[in-house]
C-alpha atoms as a PDB file:
ATOM      1  CA  MET A   1     123.261 175.996 -44.741  1.00  0.00           C
ATOM      2  CA  ALA A   2     123.197 176.457 -40.947  1.00  0.00           C
ATOM      3  CA  PRO A   3     124.332 179.829 -39.536  1.00  0.00           C
ATOM      4  CA  ILE A   4     127.846 180.022 -38.090  1.00  0.00           C
ATOM      5  CA  VAL A   5     128.240 179.541 -34.340  1.00  0.00           C
ATOM      6  CA  ARG A   6     130.307 182.556 -33.237  1.00  0.00           C
ATOM      7  CA  LYS A   7     129.472 182.941 -29.539  1.00  0.00           C
ATOM      8  CA  ALA A   8     129.821 180.747 -26.467  1.00  0.00           C
ATOM      9  CA  VAL A   9     128.135 181.294 -23.111  1.00  0.00           C
ATOM     10  CA  PHE A  10     130.074 180.236 -20.005  1.00  0.00           C
ATOM     11  CA  PRO A  11     127.879 180.074 -16.883  1.00  0.00           C
ATOM     12  CA  ALA A  12     130.220 180.924 -13.997  1.00  0.00           C
ATOM     13  CA  ALA A  13     128.068 182.377 -11.222  1.00  0.00           C
ATOM     14  CA  GLY A  14     127.934 179.299  -8.959  1.00  0.00           C
ATOM     15  CA  LEU A  15     129.211 179.521  -5.394  1.00  0.00           C
ATOM     16  CA  GLY A  16     131.527 176.488  -5.554  1.00  0.00           C
ATOM     17  CA  THR A  17     130.479 175.213  -2.125  1.00  0.00           C
ATOM     18  CA  ARG A  18     131.842 171.717  -2.801  1.00  0.00           C
ATOM     19  CA  PHE A  19     135.366 173.138  -2.650  1.00  0.00           C
ATOM     20  CA  LEU A  20     135.106 175.216   0.499  1.00  0.00           C
ATOM     21  CA  PRO A  21     137.206 176.567   2.106  1.00  0.00           C
ATOM     22  CA  ALA A  22     139.383 176.865  -1.036  1.00  0.00           C
ATOM     23  CA  THR A  23     136.593 178.747  -2.841  1.00  0.00           C
ATOM     24  CA  LYS A  24     135.733 181.127  -0.004  1.00  0.00           C
ATOM     25  CA  ALA A  25     137.817 183.908  -1.581  1.00  0.00           C
ATOM     26  CA  GLN A  26     138.392 182.658  -5.149  1.00  0.00           C
ATOM     27  CA  PRO A  27     136.063 181.308  -7.855  1.00  0.00           C
ATOM     28  CA  LYS A  28     136.051 177.547  -8.316  1.00  0.00           C
ATOM     29  CA  GLU A  29     136.588 178.205 -12.039  1.00  0.00           C
ATOM     30  CA  MET A  30     140.044 179.533 -11.156  1.00  0.00           C
ATOM     31  CA  LEU A  31     141.237 176.390  -9.370  1.00  0.00           C
ATOM     32  CA  PRO A  32     144.323 175.214 -11.314  1.00  0.00           C
ATOM     33  CA  LEU A  33     144.642 171.994 -13.272  1.00  0.00           C
ATOM     34  CA  VAL A  34     148.454 171.842 -13.226  1.00  0.00           C
ATOM     35  CA  ASP A  35     149.164 175.473 -14.197  1.00  0.00           C
ATOM     36  CA  LYS A  36     145.989 176.641 -15.933  1.00  0.00           C
ATOM     37  CA  PRO A  37     142.661 177.464 -14.272  1.00  0.00           C
ATOM     38  CA  ILE A  38     139.767 175.133 -15.038  1.00  0.00           C
ATOM     39  CA  ILE A  39     137.877 177.708 -17.086  1.00  0.00           C
ATOM     40  CA  GLN A  40     140.810 178.309 -19.441  1.00  0.00           C
ATOM     41  CA  TYR A  41     140.554 174.757 -20.759  1.00  0.00           C
ATOM     42  CA  GLY A  42     136.999 175.480 -21.892  1.00  0.00           C
ATOM     43  CA  VAL A  43     137.936 178.826 -23.431  1.00  0.00           C
ATOM     44  CA  GLU A  44     140.787 177.217 -25.375  1.00  0.00           C
ATOM     45  CA  GLU A  45     138.342 174.554 -26.590  1.00  0.00           C
ATOM     46  CA  ALA A  46     136.003 177.290 -27.829  1.00  0.00           C
ATOM     47  CA  VAL A  47     138.832 179.022 -29.695  1.00  0.00           C
ATOM     48  CA  ALA A  48     139.921 175.723 -31.268  1.00  0.00           C
ATOM     49  CA  SER A  49     136.316 175.157 -32.364  1.00  0.00           C
ATOM     50  CA  GLY A  50     136.157 178.413 -34.331  1.00  0.00           C
ATOM     51  CA  ILE A  51     134.268 180.517 -31.777  1.00  0.00           C
ATOM     52  CA  ASP A  52     135.446 184.119 -31.473  1.00  0.00           C
ATOM     53  CA  ASN A  53     133.242 185.627 -28.739  1.00  0.00           C
ATOM     54  CA  ILE A  54     132.916 184.485 -25.123  1.00  0.00           C
ATOM     55  CA  ILE A  55     130.050 185.590 -22.872  1.00  0.00           C
ATOM     56  CA  LEU A  56     130.864 184.938 -19.239  1.00  0.00           C
ATOM     57  CA  VAL A  57     127.854 184.825 -16.920  1.00  0.00           C
ATOM     58  CA  THR A  58     129.342 185.786 -13.572  1.00  0.00           C
ATOM     59  CA  GLY A  59     128.276 186.802 -10.102  1.00  0.00           C
ATOM     60  CA  ARG A  60     129.555 188.448  -6.988  1.00  0.00           C
ATOM     61  CA  GLY A  61     133.161 187.538  -6.131  1.00  0.00           C
ATOM     62  CA  LYS A  62     134.075 186.414  -9.662  1.00  0.00           C
ATOM     63  CA  ASN A  63     136.385 189.333 -10.531  1.00  0.00           C
ATOM     64  CA  ALA A  64     139.399 187.011 -10.695  1.00  0.00           C
ATOM     65  CA  ILE A  65     137.977 185.416 -13.859  1.00  0.00           C
ATOM     66  CA  GLU A  66     137.719 188.784 -15.575  1.00  0.00           C
ATOM     67  CA  ASP A  67     141.220 189.737 -14.412  1.00  0.00           C
ATOM     68  CA  HIS A  68     142.670 186.458 -15.689  1.00  0.00           C
ATOM     69  CA  PHE A  69     141.521 187.080 -19.255  1.00  0.00           C
ATOM     70  CA  ASP A  70     142.368 190.795 -19.192  1.00  0.00           C
ATOM     71  CA  VAL A  71     145.677 192.480 -20.031  1.00  0.00           C
ATOM     72  CA  SER A  72     148.041 192.811 -17.054  1.00  0.00           C
ATOM     73  CA  VAL A  73     150.362 195.696 -17.897  1.00  0.00           C
ATOM     74  CA  GLU A  74     152.330 195.452 -14.643  1.00  0.00           C
ATOM     75  CA  LEU A  75     152.964 191.706 -14.969  1.00  0.00           C
ATOM     76  CA  GLU A  76     153.904 191.971 -18.640  1.00  0.00           C
ATOM     77  CA  SER A  77     156.376 194.793 -17.884  1.00  0.00           C
ATOM     78  CA  PHE A  78     157.886 192.765 -15.033  1.00  0.00           C
ATOM     79  CA  LEU A  79     158.399 189.658 -17.201  1.00  0.00           C
ATOM     80  CA  GLU A  80     159.779 191.652 -20.123  1.00  0.00           C
ATOM     81  CA  ALA A  81     162.267 193.519 -17.914  1.00  0.00           C
ATOM     82  CA  ARG A  82     163.613 190.211 -16.581  1.00  0.00           C
ATOM     83  CA  GLY A  83     163.795 188.499 -19.962  1.00  0.00           C
ATOM     84  CA  LYS A  84     161.135 185.891 -19.125  1.00  0.00           C
ATOM     85  CA  HIS A  85     159.875 185.785 -22.695  1.00  0.00           C
ATOM     86  CA  ASP A  86     158.256 182.327 -22.620  1.00  0.00           C
ATOM     87  CA  GLN A  87     156.054 183.303 -19.676  1.00  0.00           C
ATOM     88  CA  LEU A  88     155.342 186.687 -21.265  1.00  0.00           C
ATOM     89  CA  ASP A  89     154.146 185.005 -24.469  1.00  0.00           C
ATOM     90  CA  GLU A  90     151.932 182.664 -22.451  1.00  0.00           C
ATOM     91  CA  ILE A  91     150.063 185.381 -20.565  1.00  0.00           C
ATOM     92  CA  ARG A  92     149.725 187.550 -23.677  1.00  0.00           C
ATOM     93  CA  LYS A  93     148.173 184.588 -25.442  1.00  0.00           C
ATOM     94  CA  ILE A  94     145.536 184.397 -22.683  1.00  0.00           C
ATOM     95  CA  SER A  95     144.402 188.005 -23.116  1.00  0.00           C
ATOM     96  CA  ASN A  96     144.611 187.949 -26.924  1.00  0.00           C
ATOM     97  CA  MET A  97     142.930 184.642 -27.677  1.00  0.00           C
ATOM     98  CA  ILE A  98     139.305 185.807 -27.987  1.00  0.00           C
ATOM     99  CA  ASN A  99     136.776 188.604 -27.319  1.00  0.00           C
ATOM    100  CA  PHE A 100     135.125 188.610 -23.876  1.00  0.00           C
ATOM    101  CA  ALA A 101     131.881 190.088 -22.606  1.00  0.00           C
ATOM    102  CA  TYR A 102     130.451 189.781 -19.109  1.00  0.00           C
ATOM    103  CA  VAL A 103     126.955 189.749 -17.663  1.00  0.00           C
ATOM    104  CA  ARG A 104     125.932 189.325 -14.025  1.00  0.00           C
ATOM    105  CA  GLN A 105     123.426 186.642 -13.083  1.00  0.00           C
ATOM    106  CA  GLY A 106     122.622 188.270  -9.746  1.00  0.00           C
ATOM    107  CA  GLU A 107     121.501 185.081  -8.037  1.00  0.00           C
ATOM    108  CA  PRO A 108     122.561 181.550  -9.057  1.00  0.00           C
ATOM    109  CA  LEU A 109     119.072 180.428 -10.082  1.00  0.00           C
ATOM    110  CA  GLY A 110     119.994 177.483 -12.264  1.00  0.00           C
ATOM    111  CA  LEU A 111     121.633 176.779 -15.605  1.00  0.00           C
ATOM    112  CA  GLY A 112     118.544 177.756 -17.563  1.00  0.00           C
ATOM    113  CA  HIS A 113     118.476 181.134 -15.836  1.00  0.00           C
ATOM    114  CA  ALA A 114     122.194 181.653 -16.547  1.00  0.00           C
ATOM    115  CA  VAL A 115     121.552 181.072 -20.259  1.00  0.00           C
ATOM    116  CA  LEU A 116     118.524 183.361 -20.167  1.00  0.00           C
ATOM    117  CA  VAL A 117     120.447 186.345 -18.734  1.00  0.00           C
ATOM    118  CA  ALA A 118     122.841 186.141 -21.709  1.00  0.00           C
ATOM    119  CA  ARG A 119     119.951 186.711 -24.115  1.00  0.00           C
ATOM    120  CA  GLU A 120     120.751 190.309 -25.073  1.00  0.00           C
ATOM    121  CA  LEU A 121     124.437 189.578 -25.670  1.00  0.00           C
ATOM    122  CA  VAL A 122     123.715 186.467 -27.734  1.00  0.00           C
ATOM    123  CA  GLY A 123     121.116 188.112 -29.970  1.00  0.00           C
ATOM    124  CA  ASN A 124     119.251 186.290 -32.701  1.00  0.00           C
ATOM    125  CA  GLU A 125     121.838 183.680 -33.660  1.00  0.00           C
ATOM    126  CA  PRO A 126     122.881 180.153 -32.672  1.00  0.00           C
ATOM    127  CA  PHE A 127     125.344 179.890 -29.815  1.00  0.00           C
ATOM    128  CA  ALA A 128     127.318 177.424 -27.757  1.00  0.00           C
ATOM    129  CA  VAL A 129     127.070 176.797 -24.025  1.00  0.00           C
ATOM    130  CA  ILE A 130     130.166 175.433 -22.296  1.00  0.00           C
ATOM    131  CA  LEU A 131     130.104 174.313 -18.667  1.00  0.00           C
ATOM    132  CA  GLY A 132     133.633 174.810 -17.390  1.00  0.00           C
ATOM    133  CA  ASP A 133     133.376 172.013 -14.821  1.00  0.00           C
ATOM    134  CA  ASP A 134     133.410 169.475 -17.648  1.00  0.00           C
ATOM    135  CA  VAL A 135     136.965 169.460 -18.985  1.00  0.00           C
ATOM    136  CA  ILE A 136     137.087 167.336 -22.135  1.00  0.00           C
ATOM    137  CA  ASP A 137     140.272 166.233 -23.853  1.00  0.00           C
ATOM    138  CA  ALA A 138     139.216 165.456 -27.417  1.00  0.00           C
ATOM    139  CA  SER A 139     140.408 165.711 -31.002  1.00  0.00           C
ATOM    140  CA  PRO A 140     138.606 167.317 -32.716  1.00  0.00           C
ATOM    141  CA  PRO A 141     137.526 169.414 -29.710  1.00  0.00           C
ATOM    142  CA  ALA A 142     134.217 168.429 -28.130  1.00  0.00           C
ATOM    143  CA  MET A 143     132.519 171.673 -29.135  1.00  0.00           C
ATOM    144  CA  LYS A 144     133.748 171.321 -32.718  1.00  0.00           C
ATOM    145  CA  GLN A 145     132.115 167.875 -32.805  1.00  0.00           C
ATOM    146  CA  LEU A 146     128.792 169.456 -31.807  1.00  0.00           C
ATOM    147  CA  ILE A 147     129.135 172.332 -34.269  1.00  0.00           C
ATOM    148  CA  ASP A 148     129.786 169.853 -37.097  1.00  0.00           C
ATOM    149  CA  VAL A 149     126.534 168.053 -36.212  1.00  0.00           C
ATOM    150  CA  PHE A 150     124.664 171.370 -35.937  1.00  0.00           C
ATOM    151  CA  GLU A 151     125.807 172.390 -39.420  1.00  0.00           C
ATOM    152  CA  ARG A 152     124.436 169.091 -40.693  1.00  0.00           C
ATOM    153  CA  VAL A 153     121.050 168.973 -38.907  1.00  0.00           C
ATOM    154  CA  GLY A 154     120.341 172.705 -38.477  1.00  0.00           C
ATOM    155  CA  GLY A 155     118.931 172.365 -34.956  1.00  0.00           C
ATOM    156  CA  PRO A 156     119.998 172.371 -31.296  1.00  0.00           C
ATOM    157  CA  VAL A 157     122.600 169.742 -30.384  1.00  0.00           C
ATOM    158  CA  LEU A 158     123.373 168.388 -26.912  1.00  0.00           C
ATOM    159  CA  ALA A 159     126.561 166.577 -25.934  1.00  0.00           C
ATOM    160  CA  VAL A 160     125.884 163.209 -24.325  1.00  0.00           C
ATOM    161  CA  GLU A 161     127.945 160.453 -22.759  1.00  0.00           C
ATOM    162  CA  ARG A 162     127.038 156.933 -21.705  1.00  0.00           C
ATOM    163  CA  VAL A 163     127.192 156.617 -17.910  1.00  0.00           C
ATOM    164  CA  GLN A 164     126.758 153.750 -15.486  1.00  0.00           C
ATOM    165  CA  PRO A 165     123.133 153.019 -14.487  1.00  0.00           C
ATOM    166  CA  GLU A 166     123.816 154.062 -10.902  1.00  0.00           C
ATOM    167  CA  GLU A 167     124.964 157.503 -12.130  1.00  0.00           C
ATOM    168  CA  VAL A 168     121.911 158.521 -14.194  1.00  0.00           C
ATOM    169  CA  SER A 169     120.225 160.271 -11.260  1.00  0.00           C
ATOM    170  CA  SER A 170     123.004 162.891 -11.316  1.00  0.00           C
ATOM    171  CA  TYR A 171     122.328 163.987 -14.901  1.00  0.00           C
ATOM    172  CA  GLY A 172     119.754 165.061 -17.404  1.00  0.00           C
ATOM    173  CA  VAL A 173     119.073 161.959 -19.509  1.00  0.00           C
ATOM    174  CA  ILE A 174     117.708 161.717 -23.052  1.00  0.00           C
ATOM    175  CA  ASP A 175     115.222 159.358 -24.642  1.00  0.00           C
ATOM    176  CA  VAL A 176     116.113 158.792 -28.287  1.00  0.00           C
ATOM    177  CA  ASP A 177     113.991 158.159 -31.353  1.00  0.00           C
ATOM    178  CA  PRO A 178     115.099 154.710 -32.580  1.00  0.00           C
ATOM    179  CA  SER A 179     113.543 155.279 -36.014  1.00  0.00           C
ATOM    180  CA  ALA A 180     115.770 158.278 -36.766  1.00  0.00           C
ATOM    181  CA  ARG A 181     119.078 156.968 -38.093  1.00  0.00           C
ATOM    182  CA  LEU A 182     121.481 159.868 -38.244  1.00  0.00           C
ATOM    183  CA  GLY A 183     124.857 158.172 -38.038  1.00  0.00           C
ATOM    184  CA  ASP A 184     127.159 156.761 -35.404  1.00  0.00           C
ATOM    185  CA  GLY A 185     126.660 158.489 -32.057  1.00  0.00           C
ATOM    186  CA  ILE A 186     124.129 161.030 -33.373  1.00  0.00           C
ATOM    187  CA  TYR A 187     120.544 160.842 -32.152  1.00  0.00           C
ATOM    188  CA  ARG A 188     117.233 162.618 -32.489  1.00  0.00           C
ATOM    189  CA  VAL A 189     115.921 163.369 -29.008  1.00  0.00           C
ATOM    190  CA  ARG A 190     112.438 162.168 -28.150  1.00  0.00           C
ATOM    191  CA  ASP A 191     112.376 163.409 -24.554  1.00  0.00           C
ATOM    192  CA  LEU A 192     114.631 164.692 -21.753  1.00  0.00           C
ATOM    193  CA  VAL A 193     114.388 163.870 -18.070  1.00  0.00           C
ATOM    194  CA  GLU A 194     116.201 165.818 -15.340  1.00  0.00           C
ATOM    195  CA  LYS A 195     117.925 163.528 -12.799  1.00  0.00           C
ATOM    196  CA  PRO A 196     115.666 160.479 -13.129  1.00  0.00           C
ATOM    197  CA  ALA A 197     115.637 157.598 -10.675  1.00  0.00           C
ATOM    198  CA  ARG A 198     117.705 154.665 -11.922  1.00  0.00           C
ATOM    199  CA  ASP A 199     114.651 152.532 -12.731  1.00  0.00           C
ATOM    200  CA  GLU A 200     112.893 155.438 -14.490  1.00  0.00           C
ATOM    201  CA  ALA A 201     115.717 156.595 -16.756  1.00  0.00           C
ATOM    202  CA  PRO A 202     114.847 156.277 -20.475  1.00  0.00           C
ATOM    203  CA  SER A 203     118.500 155.479 -21.339  1.00  0.00           C
ATOM    204  CA  ASN A 204     122.020 155.838 -19.985  1.00  0.00           C
ATOM    205  CA  LEU A 205     122.819 158.698 -22.376  1.00  0.00           C
ATOM    206  CA  ALA A 206     123.530 161.574 -20.009  1.00  0.00           C
ATOM    207  CA  ILE A 207     123.706 165.224 -21.049  1.00  0.00           C
ATOM    208  CA  ILE A 208     127.149 166.675 -20.336  1.00  0.00           C
ATOM    209  CA  GLY A 209     128.404 170.252 -20.337  1.00  0.00           C
ATOM    210  CA  ARG A 210     128.330 171.178 -24.017  1.00  0.00           C
ATOM    211  CA  TYR A 211     125.393 172.523 -26.055  1.00  0.00           C
ATOM    212  CA  VAL A 212     124.776 174.237 -29.367  1.00  0.00           C
ATOM    213  CA  LEU A 213     121.493 176.109 -29.021  1.00  0.00           C
ATOM    214  CA  THR A 214     119.296 178.249 -31.233  1.00  0.00           C
ATOM    215  CA  PRO A 215     117.803 181.591 -30.099  1.00  0.00           C
ATOM    216  CA  ASP A 216     114.312 180.120 -29.736  1.00  0.00           C
ATOM    217  CA  ILE A 217     115.570 178.550 -26.490  1.00  0.00           C
ATOM    218  CA  PHE A 218     115.116 181.975 -24.849  1.00  0.00           C
ATOM    219  CA  PRO A 219     111.292 182.194 -25.110  1.00  0.00           C
ATOM    220  CA  ALA A 220     111.147 178.517 -24.137  1.00  0.00           C
ATOM    221  CA  LEU A 221     113.125 179.235 -20.947  1.00  0.00           C
ATOM    222  CA  ALA A 222     111.029 182.319 -20.222  1.00  0.00           C
ATOM    223  CA  ALA A 223     107.860 180.223 -20.497  1.00  0.00           C
ATOM    224  CA  ILE A 224     108.731 177.546 -17.937  1.00  0.00           C
ATOM    225  CA  LYS A 225     108.353 177.713 -14.175  1.00  0.00           C
ATOM    226  CA  SER A 226     111.176 177.277 -11.704  1.00  0.00           C
ATOM    227  CA  ASP A 227     111.508 173.858 -10.082  1.00  0.00           C
ATOM    228  CA  ARG A 228     111.014 172.965  -6.421  1.00  0.00           C
ATOM    229  CA  THR A 229     114.470 174.398  -5.591  1.00  0.00           C
ATOM    230  CA  GLY A 230     113.576 177.741  -7.173  1.00  0.00           C
ATOM    231  CA  GLU A 231     115.870 177.204 -10.162  1.00  0.00           C
ATOM    232  CA  ILE A 232     115.180 177.319 -13.894  1.00  0.00           C
ATOM    233  CA  GLN A 233     116.589 174.145 -15.405  1.00  0.00           C
ATOM    234  CA  LEU A 234     117.947 174.165 -18.953  1.00  0.00           C
ATOM    235  CA  THR A 235     116.683 170.592 -19.402  1.00  0.00           C
ATOM    236  CA  ASN A 236     113.119 171.764 -18.772  1.00  0.00           C
ATOM    237  CA  GLY A 237     113.574 174.606 -21.237  1.00  0.00           C
ATOM    238  CA  LEU A 238     114.763 172.117 -23.840  1.00  0.00           C
ATOM    239  CA  ARG A 239     111.671 169.975 -23.186  1.00  0.00           C
ATOM    240  CA  GLU A 240     109.556 173.035 -23.881  1.00  0.00           C
ATOM    241  CA  LEU A 241     111.499 173.749 -27.086  1.00  0.00           C
ATOM    242  CA  LEU A 242     111.118 170.120 -28.157  1.00  0.00           C
ATOM    243  CA  LYS A 243     107.379 170.759 -28.580  1.00  0.00           C
ATOM    244  CA  SER A 244     108.091 173.021 -31.536  1.00  0.00           C
ATOM    245  CA  ARG A 245     111.284 171.736 -33.157  1.00  0.00           C
ATOM    246  CA  PRO A 246     113.620 168.718 -33.339  1.00  0.00           C
ATOM    247  CA  ILE A 247     116.563 168.510 -30.947  1.00  0.00           C
ATOM    248  CA  TYR A 248     119.585 166.293 -31.499  1.00  0.00           C
ATOM    249  CA  ALA A 249     122.314 164.721 -29.406  1.00  0.00           C
ATOM    250  CA  CYS A 250     125.937 163.895 -30.180  1.00  0.00           C
ATOM    251  CA  GLU A 251     127.866 161.254 -28.262  1.00  0.00           C
ATOM    252  CA  VAL A 252     131.155 163.093 -27.794  1.00  0.00           C
ATOM    253  CA  LYS A 253     134.379 161.217 -28.475  1.00  0.00           C
ATOM    254  CA  GLY A 254     137.002 162.155 -25.893  1.00  0.00           C
ATOM    255  CA  VAL A 255     138.016 161.924 -22.251  1.00  0.00           C
ATOM    256  CA  ARG A 256     135.807 163.931 -19.862  1.00  0.00           C
ATOM    257  CA  HIS A 257     136.585 164.893 -16.287  1.00  0.00           C
ATOM    258  CA  ASP A 258     133.930 166.414 -14.045  1.00  0.00           C
ATOM    259  CA  THR A 259     136.018 168.874 -12.043  1.00  0.00           C
ATOM    260  CA  GLY A 260     132.941 170.056 -10.165  1.00  0.00           C
ATOM    261  CA  ASN A 261     133.558 167.450  -7.481  1.00  0.00           C
ATOM    262  CA  LYS A 262     136.742 166.739  -5.541  1.00  0.00           C
ATOM    263  CA  LEU A 263     137.427 163.255  -6.902  1.00  0.00           C
ATOM    264  CA  GLY A 264     136.890 164.356 -10.498  1.00  0.00           C
ATOM    265  CA  PHE A 265     139.121 167.374  -9.949  1.00  0.00           C
ATOM    266  CA  LEU A 266     141.949 165.240  -8.531  1.00  0.00           C
ATOM    267  CA  LYS A 267     141.666 162.768 -11.406  1.00  0.00           C
ATOM    268  CA  ALA A 268     141.873 165.659 -13.871  1.00  0.00           C
ATOM    269  CA  VAL A 269     145.011 167.037 -12.212  1.00  0.00           C
ATOM    270  CA  VAL A 270     146.714 163.639 -12.527  1.00  0.00           C
ATOM    271  CA  TYR A 271     145.482 163.134 -16.108  1.00  0.00           C
ATOM    272  CA  PHE A 272     146.696 166.493 -17.402  1.00  0.00           C
ATOM    273  CA  ALA A 273     149.989 166.288 -15.514  1.00  0.00           C
ATOM    274  CA  LEU A 274     150.673 162.952 -17.197  1.00  0.00           C
ATOM    275  CA  ARG A 275     149.869 164.547 -20.577  1.00  0.00           C
ATOM    276  CA  ARG A 276     152.632 167.117 -20.090  1.00  0.00           C
ATOM    277  CA  PRO A 277     156.000 166.176 -21.646  1.00  0.00           C
ATOM    278  CA  ASP A 278     157.835 168.267 -19.048  1.00  0.00           C
ATOM    279  CA  LEU A 279     156.142 166.513 -16.112  1.00  0.00           C
ATOM    280  CA  ALA A 280     154.923 163.090 -17.218  1.00  0.00           C
ATOM    281  CA  GLU A 281     157.993 160.921 -16.593  1.00  0.00           C
ATOM    282  CA  LYS A 282     158.940 162.232 -13.159  1.00  0.00           C
ATOM    283  CA  PHE A 283     155.348 162.504 -12.014  1.00  0.00           C
ATOM    284  CA  ALA A 284     154.614 158.920 -13.092  1.00  0.00           C
ATOM    285  CA  GLU A 285     157.699 157.766 -11.188  1.00  0.00           C
ATOM    286  CA  TYR A 286     156.503 159.620  -8.115  1.00  0.00           C
ATOM    287  CA  LEU A 287     153.020 158.096  -8.309  1.00  0.00           C
ATOM    288  CA  ALA A 288     154.504 154.609  -8.674  1.00  0.00           C
ATOM    289  CA  SER A 289     156.757 155.195  -5.662  1.00  0.00           C
ATOM    290  CA  LEU A 290     153.935 156.048  -3.270  1.00  0.00           C
ATOM    291  CA  ASN A 291     152.779 152.476  -2.699  1.00  0.00           C
ATOM    292  CA  LEU A 292     149.877 153.733  -0.597  1.00  0.00           C
ATOM    293  CA  GLU A 293     147.319 151.406   0.895  1.00  0.00           C
ATOM    294  CA  ALA A 294     143.646 152.313   0.625  1.00  0.00           C
ATOM    295  CA  PRO A 295     142.186 153.412   3.981  1.00  0.00           C
ATOM    296  CA  THR A 296     140.186 150.711   5.774  1.00  0.00           C
ATOM    297  CA  GLY A 297     138.253 153.042   8.048  1.00  0.00           C
ATOM    298  CA  LYS A 298     139.780 151.355  11.095  1.00  0.00           C
ATOM    299  CA  ARG A 299     142.378 152.781  13.446  1.00  0.00           C
END
């Protein structure tokens, strides 16, 4: 029987330059999708997947994330004094939902490096990695889907999604072993390629922001060299680990939004607003009333 996955690492030390100037003084992870910051969606997914410890890998200027998940005595007293009990319950739920620990990355030297600096807090047990930029609406939750596969195969599991051929160069892409039949949407990984050219991609199965990893990923990451940008890539660490053990992939069933870019973020705002019973009808009416024409680029 596979060990229980109790911990999830959230890399959150990036500078968020795609969203400047909005992220000059606040972390991109705290940008709101309707009325919750992006990172809270991932934390709620972890809780719903049975995880009870969150390790946030942060950096300079990320204090707002820590404050968001901490108790706010002043705010709670204010809401209680004014009888705003629904809002009081909501913010208490945030601070009570799970245990948090924090570690500084120092410099944003890649996803592999972010995972590596969490080594002491993770210890010698399997763990999840959740990239907050990927907000996934799924039932069961995306991470629970991966944990279910991990409990079955007993090895590292990567979340994958089929993407358009022109998009493969933006992702890590897997090559699968066609002889290993593991069930619908579950694959044994034969190789991994970081951001391949379209005509060199081994498949269109792209790695997305969910992983269940085993502690032997740490020596694998420590053994590899940084890439030409000076970063340690998790994909390269997984390639190193693949030399010594099987790695698996799970095609996640759900709706994913990449909020790490402006278009994906805007789509996510619309999607989650339309999922809200208190907003959906009026917001849909507003969108239908706009009747905007796409810009032609001409004046």
